[in-house]
């Protein structure tokens, strides 16, 4: 596997999933955050990252810790 490519893809996923505030428009303020990237872009990047993890860490799905009963 091309390590530079894999790291770049993971970096891209992290950038897309960074939490950012909503822009102010017309004096309306929305409380909360959203992903920096679109839902489609995040989904596509997640699929690539999952394939990288499958290749590099074959058992990653079974060994990822859960948050108190949530997976």
N, C-alpha and C. Protein backbone atom coordinates (compact mmCIF):
# COMPACT_ATOMS: atom_id res chain seq x y z
N UNK A 1 0.85 -1.18 0.00
CA UNK A 1 0.00 0.00 0.00
C UNK A 1 0.89 1.23 0.00
N UNK A 2 0.48 2.22 -0.74
CA UNK A 2 1.19 3.50 -0.80
C UNK A 2 0.91 4.27 0.49
N UNK A 3 1.89 4.34 1.37
CA UNK A 3 1.72 4.95 2.68
C UNK A 3 1.34 6.43 2.59
N UNK A 4 2.00 7.15 1.70
CA UNK A 4 1.69 8.58 1.56
C UNK A 4 0.24 8.79 1.14
N UNK A 5 -0.23 7.98 0.21
CA UNK A 5 -1.62 8.07 -0.24
C UNK A 5 -2.57 7.77 0.92
N UNK A 6 -2.29 6.69 1.67
CA UNK A 6 -3.16 6.29 2.77
C UNK A 6 -3.23 7.39 3.83
N UNK A 7 -2.10 7.96 4.20
CA UNK A 7 -2.09 9.04 5.19
C UNK A 7 -2.85 10.25 4.66
N UNK A 8 -2.70 10.54 3.38
CA UNK A 8 -3.42 11.66 2.77
C UNK A 8 -4.93 11.43 2.82
N UNK A 9 -5.38 10.22 2.56
CA UNK A 9 -6.80 9.89 2.60
C UNK A 9 -7.36 10.01 4.02
N UNK A 10 -6.59 9.55 5.00
CA UNK A 10 -7.02 9.67 6.39
C UNK A 10 -7.06 11.13 6.81
N UNK A 11 -6.06 11.91 6.41
CA UNK A 11 -6.06 13.35 6.69
C UNK A 11 -7.28 14.03 6.07
N UNK A 12 -7.61 13.65 4.85
CA UNK A 12 -8.77 14.22 4.16
C UNK A 12 -10.05 13.90 4.95
N UNK A 13 -10.20 12.65 5.40
CA UNK A 13 -11.37 12.26 6.18
C UNK A 13 -11.46 13.08 7.47
N UNK A 14 -10.34 13.25 8.14
CA UNK A 14 -10.33 14.04 9.37
C UNK A 14 -10.73 15.49 9.11
N UNK A 15 -10.25 16.04 8.00
CA UNK A 15 -10.61 17.43 7.66
C UNK A 15 -12.11 17.54 7.35
N UNK A 16 -12.65 16.56 6.64
CA UNK A 16 -14.08 16.59 6.30
C UNK A 16 -14.97 16.43 7.51
N UNK A 17 -14.50 15.69 8.52
CA UNK A 17 -15.33 15.44 9.70
C UNK A 17 -15.05 16.42 10.84
N UNK A 18 -14.19 17.38 10.60
CA UNK A 18 -13.93 18.40 11.61
C UNK A 18 -15.25 19.13 11.90
N UNK A 19 -15.51 19.36 13.17
CA UNK A 19 -16.74 20.05 13.57
C UNK A 19 -16.57 21.56 13.43
N UNK A 20 -17.46 22.17 12.70
CA UNK A 20 -17.44 23.62 12.47
C UNK A 20 -18.82 24.19 12.78
N UNK A 21 -18.86 25.46 13.10
CA UNK A 21 -20.14 26.12 13.36
C UNK A 21 -20.88 26.42 12.08
N UNK A 22 -22.14 26.71 12.22
CA UNK A 22 -22.95 27.10 11.07
C UNK A 22 -22.68 28.56 10.75
N UNK A 23 -22.67 28.91 9.47
CA UNK A 23 -22.45 30.32 9.12
C UNK A 23 -23.66 31.17 9.50
N UNK A 24 -23.40 32.40 9.85
CA UNK A 24 -24.50 33.34 10.14
C UNK A 24 -25.06 33.83 8.82
N UNK A 25 -26.36 33.78 8.72
CA UNK A 25 -27.00 34.28 7.50
C UNK A 25 -28.22 35.10 7.89
N UNK A 26 -28.27 36.30 7.40
CA UNK A 26 -29.43 37.16 7.63
C UNK A 26 -29.71 37.43 9.09
N UNK A 27 -28.67 37.46 9.92
CA UNK A 27 -28.86 37.73 11.33
C UNK A 27 -29.35 36.54 12.14
N UNK A 28 -29.49 35.39 11.50
CA UNK A 28 -29.95 34.18 12.20
C UNK A 28 -28.73 33.42 12.69
N UNK A 29 -28.75 33.04 13.97
CA UNK A 29 -27.66 32.26 14.54
C UNK A 29 -28.17 30.87 14.85
N UNK A 30 -27.48 29.86 14.33
CA UNK A 30 -27.84 28.47 14.60
C UNK A 30 -26.83 27.92 15.59
N UNK A 31 -27.33 27.37 16.69
CA UNK A 31 -26.46 26.81 17.71
C UNK A 31 -26.14 25.37 17.35
N UNK A 32 -24.88 25.00 17.48
CA UNK A 32 -24.46 23.63 17.21
C UNK A 32 -23.32 23.60 16.22
N UNK A 33 -22.96 22.41 15.83
CA UNK A 33 -21.88 22.24 14.86
C UNK A 33 -22.30 21.25 13.79
N UNK A 34 -21.50 21.22 12.77
CA UNK A 34 -21.73 20.30 11.65
C UNK A 34 -20.37 19.86 11.14
N UNK A 35 -20.34 18.85 10.29
CA UNK A 35 -19.09 18.44 9.64
C UNK A 35 -18.68 19.50 8.64
N UNK A 36 -17.36 19.68 8.48
CA UNK A 36 -16.86 20.65 7.51
C UNK A 36 -17.22 20.22 6.08
N UNK A 37 -17.23 18.92 5.82
CA UNK A 37 -17.55 18.43 4.48
C UNK A 37 -19.00 18.04 4.36
N UNK A 38 -19.43 17.87 3.12
CA UNK A 38 -20.81 17.45 2.87
C UNK A 38 -21.00 15.99 3.29
N UNK A 39 -22.24 15.61 3.49
CA UNK A 39 -22.54 14.23 3.87
C UNK A 39 -22.03 13.25 2.81
N UNK A 40 -22.18 13.59 1.54
CA UNK A 40 -21.71 12.72 0.46
C UNK A 40 -20.19 12.57 0.49
N UNK A 41 -19.48 13.69 0.71
CA UNK A 41 -18.01 13.64 0.76
C UNK A 41 -17.52 12.84 1.96
N UNK A 42 -18.17 13.02 3.12
CA UNK A 42 -17.78 12.28 4.32
C UNK A 42 -18.02 10.79 4.11
N UNK A 43 -19.15 10.43 3.53
CA UNK A 43 -19.47 9.02 3.28
C UNK A 43 -18.46 8.39 2.34
N UNK A 44 -18.11 9.08 1.27
CA UNK A 44 -17.14 8.55 0.31
C UNK A 44 -15.76 8.38 0.95
N UNK A 45 -15.34 9.38 1.72
CA UNK A 45 -14.04 9.32 2.38
C UNK A 45 -14.02 8.21 3.43
N UNK A 46 -15.13 8.02 4.14
CA UNK A 46 -15.21 6.98 5.17
C UNK A 46 -15.02 5.60 4.55
N UNK A 47 -15.59 5.39 3.37
CA UNK A 47 -15.45 4.09 2.71
C UNK A 47 -13.99 3.81 2.36
N UNK A 48 -13.27 4.84 1.92
CA UNK A 48 -11.85 4.67 1.60
C UNK A 48 -11.06 4.37 2.86
N UNK A 49 -11.32 5.12 3.93
CA UNK A 49 -10.60 4.92 5.19
C UNK A 49 -10.89 3.53 5.75
N UNK A 50 -12.12 3.06 5.64
CA UNK A 50 -12.44 1.71 6.10
C UNK A 50 -11.62 0.67 5.34
N UNK A 51 -11.47 0.84 4.04
CA UNK A 51 -10.67 -0.10 3.25
C UNK A 51 -9.20 -0.07 3.68
N UNK A 52 -8.68 1.13 3.97
CA UNK A 52 -7.30 1.26 4.45
C UNK A 52 -7.16 0.52 5.78
N UNK A 53 -8.10 0.77 6.71
CA UNK A 53 -8.05 0.09 8.01
C UNK A 53 -8.15 -1.42 7.84
N UNK A 54 -9.03 -1.89 6.95
CA UNK A 54 -9.17 -3.33 6.71
C UNK A 54 -7.85 -3.94 6.27
N UNK A 55 -7.12 -3.21 5.48
CA UNK A 55 -5.84 -3.72 4.95
C UNK A 55 -4.73 -3.67 5.99
N UNK A 56 -4.68 -2.58 6.75
CA UNK A 56 -3.58 -2.37 7.69
C UNK A 56 -3.87 -3.00 9.06
N UNK A 57 -5.12 -2.93 9.49
CA UNK A 57 -5.53 -3.46 10.80
C UNK A 57 -6.72 -4.39 10.61
N UNK A 58 -6.49 -5.61 10.15
CA UNK A 58 -7.58 -6.50 9.77
C UNK A 58 -8.66 -6.70 10.83
N UNK A 59 -8.32 -6.63 12.10
CA UNK A 59 -9.31 -6.87 13.16
C UNK A 59 -9.81 -5.58 13.80
N UNK A 60 -9.65 -4.45 13.12
CA UNK A 60 -9.98 -3.16 13.74
C UNK A 60 -11.45 -3.07 14.14
N UNK A 61 -12.33 -3.65 13.36
CA UNK A 61 -13.76 -3.55 13.68
C UNK A 61 -14.10 -4.28 14.99
N UNK A 62 -13.43 -5.38 15.23
CA UNK A 62 -13.69 -6.17 16.43
C UNK A 62 -13.01 -5.59 17.66
N UNK A 63 -11.99 -4.78 17.47
CA UNK A 63 -11.22 -4.29 18.61
C UNK A 63 -11.48 -2.82 18.94
N UNK A 64 -12.34 -2.16 18.18
CA UNK A 64 -12.67 -0.77 18.47
C UNK A 64 -13.50 -0.73 19.74
N UNK A 65 -13.07 0.04 20.75
CA UNK A 65 -13.87 0.10 21.97
C UNK A 65 -15.22 0.77 21.72
N UNK A 66 -16.21 0.35 22.46
CA UNK A 66 -17.54 0.93 22.34
C UNK A 66 -17.76 1.90 23.49
N UNK A 67 -18.69 2.81 23.28
CA UNK A 67 -19.08 3.75 24.33
C UNK A 67 -20.29 3.20 25.05
N UNK A 68 -20.11 2.63 26.19
CA UNK A 68 -21.16 2.13 27.06
C UNK A 68 -22.36 1.58 26.31
N UNK A 69 -22.14 0.49 25.61
CA UNK A 69 -23.24 -0.19 24.93
C UNK A 69 -23.54 0.32 23.54
N UNK A 70 -22.93 1.42 23.12
CA UNK A 70 -23.16 1.95 21.77
C UNK A 70 -22.05 1.47 20.87
N UNK A 71 -22.35 1.21 19.64
CA UNK A 71 -21.33 0.78 18.68
C UNK A 71 -21.40 1.66 17.50
